[in-house]
């Protein structure tokens, strides 16, 4: 019965539109109103139209645009129809209204004193990452919306403050003298906002914030640098997030095709991991998309999206090998081609408290083997939220 209703939906839609005199070509801005006229919702205890659950709103646009037109007219109308439909469906984030030049100009409005690199070089190398990441960060839902950026770089501040509209912004670093953040946290010509910088180590210290105090937490290119206790950071992220709050995380992809090429050429597969002689600021462990999903679940977060993007050119030989390997790796079920790109980008929503503080797939529990002489930090009893 359900299949029959779905298959007859376009025909019955045309009959409804013809009966109401709505078979003429309409503008895309009138489509939602037309949809409500054809398929009234449930009101006052009366049932709505039975096809409302089966017919998407853009089907109205399709019928309205192509009805009573010649075949040539349909072809001429197809391109603007598709453009109108996509503009209504996809352009729902503020970043979609900005060109690359406008985004770069916005980034340059932050103070550059002491920054260790030229903004032009940063933008040229990371333009795609900026746009893909910003598209996943939800805009501020209210004037009191807050965002916490772990391991922050000041280049993100103009986007948080102006593009996304956050009025409370907390940046974090464990290297206050490194130049990535400074006390001159001002965006030229921006609306007033409460911007602060907090210095703490995300895996060795508890976050200096109250429970459920942030709407959004971003963790961009930080996870792979953690050398001791990554779940300590994830547990604290879950603690400071409000119920239903969002985590946006990015990290290099351990199973990217470029790593397979490095192995075949007899080189180290992982990314940036040189020793500097005084600390562990390097890529200590890279993760796979499946591991990121499991990491979110252990922290009480529901992964909404885990994707990979970006494929940098590494020379003719490596690019050729990557292409050939990409064709051969499509038959391997463990990691599909969509998970073979360079960078992982994941978004998640807080559903409960921490579920698994030390997941067995990530930790080698020395405490148990030593007879329980030491205890992990931040032990919490998982209590699901109502």
Protein backbone atom coordinates (compact mmCIF):
# COMPACT_ATOMS: atom_id res chain seq x y z
CA UNK A 1 0.00 0.00 0.00
CA UNK A 2 2.82 2.37 0.87
CA UNK A 3 4.64 1.63 -2.39
CA UNK A 4 1.49 2.31 -4.38
CA UNK A 5 0.97 5.62 -2.62
CA UNK A 6 4.52 6.65 -3.40
CA UNK A 7 4.26 5.64 -7.05
CA UNK A 8 0.94 7.47 -7.57
CA UNK A 9 2.04 10.60 -5.69
CA UNK A 10 3.13 12.67 -8.75
CA UNK A 11 -0.09 11.87 -10.64
CA UNK A 12 -2.31 12.74 -7.70
CA UNK A 13 -0.25 15.86 -7.10
CA UNK A 14 -1.00 17.05 -10.63
CA UNK A 15 -4.71 16.42 -10.10
CA UNK A 16 -4.68 18.46 -6.89
CA UNK A 17 -2.81 21.31 -8.56
CA UNK A 18 -5.10 21.26 -11.59
CA UNK A 19 -8.17 21.35 -9.35
CA UNK A 20 -6.83 24.37 -7.47
CA UNK A 21 -5.77 26.13 -10.66
CA UNK A 22 -2.08 25.97 -9.80
CA UNK A 23 -0.76 24.32 -12.97
CA UNK A 24 0.87 27.47 -14.29
CA UNK A 25 4.59 28.02 -13.97
CA UNK A 26 5.38 29.56 -10.59
CA UNK A 27 8.43 31.27 -9.18
CA UNK A 28 10.62 29.24 -6.83
CA UNK A 29 9.85 31.58 -3.91
CA UNK A 30 6.14 30.61 -4.18
CA UNK A 31 6.75 26.87 -3.99
CA UNK A 32 6.52 26.46 -0.18
CA UNK A 33 3.16 28.30 -0.16
CA UNK A 34 1.94 26.15 -3.04
CA UNK A 35 2.99 23.04 -1.13
CA UNK A 36 0.95 24.10 1.91
CA UNK A 37 -2.08 24.75 -0.32
CA UNK A 38 -1.89 21.35 -1.97
CA UNK A 39 -1.02 19.39 1.16
CA UNK A 40 -2.50 21.05 4.28
CA UNK A 41 -0.92 19.92 7.57
CA UNK A 42 -2.74 18.53 10.57
CA UNK A 43 -4.76 21.32 12.23
CA UNK A 44 -7.47 21.43 14.86
CA UNK A 45 -7.70 17.65 15.17
CA UNK A 46 -8.40 17.23 11.46
CA UNK A 47 -6.12 15.00 9.42
CA UNK A 48 -3.83 16.52 6.84
CA UNK A 49 -3.55 15.46 3.21
CA UNK A 50 -2.65 11.74 2.96
CA UNK A 51 0.14 12.40 0.45
CA UNK A 52 1.95 14.95 2.61
CA UNK A 53 4.27 12.24 3.95
CA UNK A 54 5.22 11.02 0.47
CA UNK A 55 5.65 14.13 -1.66
CA UNK A 56 8.64 16.43 -1.04
CA UNK A 57 8.04 20.15 -1.47
CA UNK A 58 10.27 20.39 -4.54
CA UNK A 59 7.91 18.02 -6.39
CA UNK A 60 5.43 20.91 -6.48
CA UNK A 61 8.07 23.00 -8.19
CA UNK A 62 8.70 20.22 -10.71
CA UNK A 63 5.04 19.86 -11.68
CA UNK A 64 4.39 23.59 -11.62
CA UNK A 65 7.39 24.33 -13.81
CA UNK A 66 6.92 21.63 -16.45
CA UNK A 67 3.15 21.29 -16.74
CA UNK A 68 1.55 22.44 -20.02
CA UNK A 69 4.84 23.29 -21.66
CA UNK A 70 6.36 21.93 -24.84
CA UNK A 71 9.33 19.59 -24.70
CA UNK A 72 11.64 22.42 -25.78
CA UNK A 73 10.19 24.67 -23.11
CA UNK A 74 10.84 21.99 -20.51
CA UNK A 75 14.49 21.78 -21.56
CA UNK A 76 14.87 25.56 -21.49
CA UNK A 77 13.28 25.70 -18.04
CA UNK A 78 15.27 22.82 -16.56
CA UNK A 79 18.47 24.72 -15.80
CA UNK A 80 16.84 27.64 -13.91
CA UNK A 81 14.50 25.18 -12.16
CA UNK A 82 17.44 23.13 -10.93
CA UNK A 83 19.28 26.27 -9.86
CA UNK A 84 16.25 27.58 -7.97
CA UNK A 85 15.63 24.25 -6.24
CA UNK A 86 19.24 23.82 -5.17
CA UNK A 87 19.45 27.41 -3.94
CA UNK A 88 16.45 26.81 -1.68
CA UNK A 89 17.68 23.42 -0.45
CA UNK A 90 21.42 23.98 0.00
CA UNK A 91 21.91 27.66 0.74
CA UNK A 92 20.98 27.45 4.39
CA UNK A 93 24.34 28.38 5.98
CA UNK A 94 25.83 31.90 6.13
CA UNK A 95 29.08 30.78 4.47
CA UNK A 96 27.25 29.98 1.23
CA UNK A 97 26.75 33.70 0.69
CA UNK A 98 30.50 34.42 0.80
CA UNK A 99 33.03 34.05 -2.00
CA UNK A 100 36.59 32.92 -1.30
CA UNK A 101 37.77 36.53 -1.65
CA UNK A 102 35.23 37.73 0.91
CA UNK A 103 36.19 34.99 3.38
CA UNK A 104 39.87 35.86 3.04
CA UNK A 105 39.11 39.55 3.54
CA UNK A 106 37.15 38.66 6.68
CA UNK A 107 40.04 36.57 8.03
CA UNK A 108 42.44 39.49 7.55
CA UNK A 109 40.42 41.68 9.93
CA UNK A 110 42.03 40.02 12.96
CA UNK A 111 45.32 41.30 14.41
CA UNK A 112 48.36 39.70 12.73
CA UNK A 113 51.04 40.79 15.23
CA UNK A 114 53.18 37.82 16.25
CA UNK A 115 51.45 35.36 13.95
CA UNK A 116 54.04 32.77 12.79
CA UNK A 117 52.91 32.64 9.15
CA UNK A 118 51.57 34.88 6.41
CA UNK A 119 47.79 34.86 6.20
CA UNK A 120 48.04 34.58 2.42
CA UNK A 121 50.00 31.33 2.74
CA UNK A 122 47.57 29.94 5.31
CA UNK A 123 44.56 30.74 3.14
CA UNK A 124 46.16 29.38 -0.04
CA UNK A 125 47.02 26.06 1.62
CA UNK A 126 43.87 25.60 3.74
CA UNK A 127 41.09 27.34 1.79
CA UNK A 128 39.09 24.15 1.27
CA UNK A 129 39.47 23.12 4.91
CA UNK A 130 38.23 26.51 6.11
CA UNK A 131 35.12 26.38 3.96
CA UNK A 132 34.27 22.74 4.67
CA UNK A 133 34.78 23.17 8.41
CA UNK A 134 32.82 26.42 8.71
CA UNK A 135 29.92 24.86 6.84
CA UNK A 136 29.61 22.27 9.65
CA UNK A 137 29.64 24.77 12.53
CA UNK A 138 26.06 25.83 13.27
CA UNK A 139 25.41 29.60 13.38
CA UNK A 140 24.56 31.14 16.74
CA UNK A 141 20.96 30.30 17.60
CA UNK A 142 20.56 33.17 20.07
CA UNK A 143 22.33 36.20 21.48
CA UNK A 144 23.61 34.05 24.36
CA UNK A 145 25.07 31.27 22.20
CA UNK A 146 28.64 30.32 23.11
CA UNK A 147 31.47 28.50 21.38
CA UNK A 148 34.72 26.97 22.69
CA UNK A 149 37.62 26.45 20.28
CA UNK A 150 40.25 23.99 21.54
CA UNK A 151 43.83 24.40 20.37
CA UNK A 152 42.76 27.61 18.73
CA UNK A 153 44.29 29.73 16.03
CA UNK A 154 43.27 33.37 15.88
CA UNK A 155 42.41 33.07 12.17
CA UNK A 156 39.12 31.44 13.17
CA UNK A 157 38.00 34.33 15.38
CA UNK A 158 36.54 36.57 12.62
CA UNK A 159 34.47 33.66 11.35
CA UNK A 160 33.11 32.82 14.81
CA UNK A 161 32.33 36.45 15.59
CA UNK A 162 31.12 37.93 12.30
CA UNK A 163 30.15 35.05 10.03
CA UNK A 164 28.48 32.79 12.61
CA UNK A 165 27.36 35.50 15.03
CA UNK A 166 28.64 34.17 18.37
CA UNK A 167 28.80 36.74 21.16
CA UNK A 168 30.67 34.57 23.69
CA UNK A 169 33.83 33.05 22.25
CA UNK A 170 36.47 31.20 24.27
CA UNK A 171 39.76 30.32 22.62
CA UNK A 172 42.17 27.79 24.11
CA UNK A 173 45.87 27.11 23.81
CA UNK A 174 48.57 25.35 25.80
CA UNK A 175 51.29 27.49 24.16
CA UNK A 176 50.49 31.14 25.01
CA UNK A 177 53.77 32.38 23.49
CA UNK A 178 53.49 30.45 20.22
CA UNK A 179 51.72 33.29 18.39
CA UNK A 180 48.61 31.33 17.44
CA UNK A 181 46.56 33.27 19.96
CA UNK A 182 47.37 36.46 21.80
CA UNK A 183 45.67 38.91 24.08
CA UNK A 184 44.96 41.28 21.19
CA UNK A 185 41.84 39.31 20.29
CA UNK A 186 40.06 41.99 18.32
CA UNK A 187 38.37 41.88 14.95
CA UNK A 188 38.39 45.18 13.09
CA UNK A 189 34.90 46.61 12.61
CA UNK A 190 33.20 43.64 14.29
CA UNK A 191 30.19 43.79 16.56
CA UNK A 192 30.98 43.65 20.30
CA UNK A 193 31.57 40.16 21.68
CA UNK A 194 32.91 38.58 24.83
CA UNK A 195 36.15 37.04 23.57
CA UNK A 196 38.61 35.44 25.96
CA UNK A 197 41.62 33.14 25.88
CA UNK A 198 42.13 30.30 28.37
CA UNK A 199 45.49 28.57 28.76
CA UNK A 200 45.21 24.89 29.74
CA UNK A 201 46.26 21.46 28.50
CA UNK A 202 43.23 19.67 27.07
CA UNK A 203 44.41 16.16 28.01
CA UNK A 204 46.16 16.85 31.33
CA UNK A 205 43.84 19.38 32.99
CA UNK A 206 40.15 19.73 33.61
CA UNK A 207 38.54 22.47 31.55
CA UNK A 208 38.02 25.60 33.71
CA UNK A 209 34.31 25.82 32.87
CA UNK A 210 31.04 24.80 34.46
CA UNK A 211 29.07 21.78 33.30
CA UNK A 212 26.86 22.33 30.24
CA UNK A 213 28.21 25.82 29.53
CA UNK A 214 28.79 25.77 25.73
CA UNK A 215 26.52 25.31 22.72
CA UNK A 216 29.37 24.37 20.36
CA UNK A 217 32.89 23.03 20.84
CA UNK A 218 35.37 22.90 17.97
CA UNK A 219 38.48 20.70 18.01
CA UNK A 220 40.33 21.37 14.77
CA UNK A 221 43.60 19.52 14.08
CA UNK A 222 44.16 18.84 17.80
CA UNK A 223 43.27 15.19 18.39
CA UNK A 224 46.28 13.81 16.54
CA UNK A 225 48.65 15.79 18.82
CA UNK A 226 47.40 14.16 22.04
CA UNK A 227 50.03 11.76 23.37
CA UNK A 228 48.72 10.52 26.73
CA UNK A 229 44.96 10.47 27.22
CA UNK A 230 42.72 11.55 24.30
CA UNK A 231 39.55 10.40 26.06
CA UNK A 232 40.32 12.88 28.85
CA UNK A 233 39.69 15.65 26.33
CA UNK A 234 36.60 13.95 24.91
CA UNK A 235 35.18 13.44 28.42
CA UNK A 236 35.66 17.11 29.25
CA UNK A 237 34.13 18.15 25.93
CA UNK A 238 31.07 16.08 26.77
CA UNK A 239 30.91 17.65 30.24
CA UNK A 240 31.01 21.29 29.11
CA UNK A 241 28.61 20.79 26.19
CA UNK A 242 24.96 21.58 26.76
CA UNK A 243 22.43 18.80 26.08
CA UNK A 244 22.05 18.70 22.31
CA UNK A 245 25.24 20.75 21.88
CA UNK A 246 27.53 20.19 18.91
CA UNK A 247 31.13 19.06 18.56
CA UNK A 248 32.96 19.77 15.30
CA UNK A 249 36.24 17.88 14.98
CA UNK A 250 38.83 17.58 12.23
CA UNK A 251 41.94 15.42 12.09
CA UNK A 252 44.26 13.86 9.48
CA UNK A 253 42.99 10.60 8.05
CA UNK A 254 45.23 7.64 8.96
CA UNK A 255 43.92 5.54 6.04
CA UNK A 256 44.21 8.16 3.33
CA UNK A 257 45.49 6.87 0.02
CA UNK A 258 48.65 8.97 0.34
CA UNK A 259 49.65 6.92 3.39
CA UNK A 260 49.34 3.69 1.41
CA UNK A 261 51.59 5.21 -1.25
CA UNK A 262 54.16 6.10 1.42
CA UNK A 263 54.21 2.50 2.63
CA UNK A 264 54.75 1.18 -0.91
CA UNK A 265 57.64 3.61 -1.34
CA UNK A 266 59.23 2.45 1.92
CA UNK A 267 58.48 5.63 3.86
CA UNK A 268 56.77 6.53 7.12
CA UNK A 269 53.00 6.38 6.50
CA UNK A 270 51.81 8.93 9.05
CA UNK A 271 51.94 12.67 8.65
CA UNK A 272 53.86 15.38 10.46
CA UNK A 273 55.74 13.55 13.26
CA UNK A 274 59.28 14.94 13.71
CA UNK A 275 60.80 15.21 17.19
CA UNK A 276 61.61 18.70 18.45
CA UNK A 277 63.65 17.67 21.50
CA UNK A 278 61.54 19.24 24.27
CA UNK A 279 57.86 18.20 24.04
CA UNK A 280 55.38 15.98 22.18
CA UNK A 281 53.98 18.60 19.81
CA UNK A 282 53.71 16.37 16.73
CA UNK A 283 51.27 13.86 15.27
CA UNK A 284 51.38 11.20 17.98
CA UNK A 285 48.43 9.17 16.69
CA UNK A 286 46.27 9.59 13.63
CA UNK A 287 42.76 8.14 13.48
CA UNK A 288 40.52 6.49 10.91
CA UNK A 289 36.94 7.61 10.17
CA UNK A 290 35.58 4.51 11.91
CA UNK A 291 37.65 5.25 15.00
CA UNK A 292 36.36 8.82 15.13
CA UNK A 293 32.81 7.46 15.09
CA UNK A 294 33.63 5.10 17.97
CA UNK A 295 35.38 7.90 19.87
CA UNK A 296 32.24 10.04 19.65
CA UNK A 297 30.12 7.15 20.89
CA UNK A 298 32.39 6.51 23.90
CA UNK A 299 32.07 10.18 24.87
CA UNK A 300 28.27 10.10 24.77
CA UNK A 301 28.04 11.89 21.43
CA UNK A 302 26.03 10.78 18.44
CA UNK A 303 28.08 11.20 15.26
CA UNK A 304 25.90 13.08 12.78
CA UNK A 305 28.44 13.15 9.97
CA UNK A 306 31.91 11.65 9.44
CA UNK A 307 33.42 12.52 6.07
CA UNK A 308 36.83 12.92 4.49
CA UNK A 309 37.85 15.64 2.07
CA UNK A 310 40.87 17.10 0.32
CA UNK A 311 43.55 15.41 -1.77
CA UNK A 312 46.76 17.41 -2.10
CA UNK A 313 49.07 16.91 -5.04
CA UNK A 314 52.34 15.26 -3.99
CA UNK A 315 54.10 15.00 -7.32
CA UNK A 316 53.45 13.12 -10.55
CA UNK A 317 54.67 9.73 -9.29
CA UNK A 318 52.70 9.78 -6.05
CA UNK A 319 49.59 11.16 -7.71
CA UNK A 320 49.70 8.39 -10.33
CA UNK A 321 50.15 5.72 -7.67
CA UNK A 322 47.31 7.23 -5.64
CA UNK A 323 45.00 7.07 -8.65
CA UNK A 324 45.87 3.43 -9.40
CA UNK A 325 45.56 2.45 -5.74
CA UNK A 326 42.25 4.27 -5.49
CA UNK A 327 40.86 2.04 -8.23
CA UNK A 328 42.19 -1.11 -6.59
CA UNK A 329 41.08 -0.22 -3.06
CA UNK A 330 37.44 0.16 -4.09
CA UNK A 331 36.94 -3.60 -3.68
CA UNK A 332 38.10 -3.54 -0.05
CA UNK A 333 35.01 -3.30 2.18
CA UNK A 334 36.70 -1.97 5.31
CA UNK A 335 37.32 1.57 4.05
CA UNK A 336 35.20 2.82 1.13
CA UNK A 337 36.63 5.35 -1.33
CA UNK A 338 34.80 8.23 0.37
CA UNK A 339 36.96 7.60 3.46
CA UNK A 340 40.31 7.63 1.63
CA UNK A 341 40.84 11.42 1.41
CA UNK A 342 43.29 13.42 3.48
CA UNK A 343 41.28 15.03 6.29
CA UNK A 344 38.51 13.68 8.53
CA UNK A 345 35.72 16.09 9.40
CA UNK A 346 33.17 14.91 11.95
CA UNK A 347 30.19 16.49 13.70
CA UNK A 348 28.36 15.09 16.70
CA UNK A 349 25.56 15.94 19.12
CA UNK A 350 25.68 15.36 22.86
CA UNK A 351 23.22 12.64 23.85
CA UNK A 352 24.44 11.52 27.31
CA UNK A 353 27.35 11.65 29.72
CA UNK A 354 30.54 9.71 28.98
CA UNK A 355 29.72 6.08 28.25
CA UNK A 356 33.18 4.49 28.12
CA UNK A 357 36.05 6.39 29.73
CA UNK A 358 38.85 4.07 28.55
CA UNK A 359 37.69 2.08 25.50
CA UNK A 360 39.63 -1.13 25.06
CA UNK A 361 40.31 -0.52 21.38
CA UNK A 362 42.21 2.68 22.25
CA UNK A 363 43.87 2.00 25.62
CA UNK A 364 46.34 -0.56 26.93
CA UNK A 365 45.32 -0.57 30.59
CA UNK A 366 48.54 -0.72 32.58
CA UNK A 367 46.63 -0.06 35.82
CA UNK A 368 44.81 -3.38 35.66
CA UNK A 369 48.00 -5.28 34.80
CA UNK A 370 49.81 -3.60 37.70
CA UNK A 371 47.13 -4.66 40.16
CA UNK A 372 45.16 -1.44 40.14
CA UNK A 373 47.89 0.74 41.67
CA UNK A 374 46.91 3.77 39.60
CA UNK A 375 43.56 5.14 38.57
CA UNK A 376 42.68 7.08 35.41
CA UNK A 377 41.75 10.74 35.76
CA UNK A 378 38.25 12.15 35.39
CA UNK A 379 36.48 8.88 36.23
CA UNK A 380 32.77 9.54 35.93
CA UNK A 381 29.74 7.31 36.30
CA UNK A 382 27.83 7.49 32.98
CA UNK A 383 24.38 8.87 33.72
CA UNK A 384 22.15 9.19 30.63
CA UNK A 385 20.36 12.51 30.40
CA UNK A 386 16.57 12.55 30.50
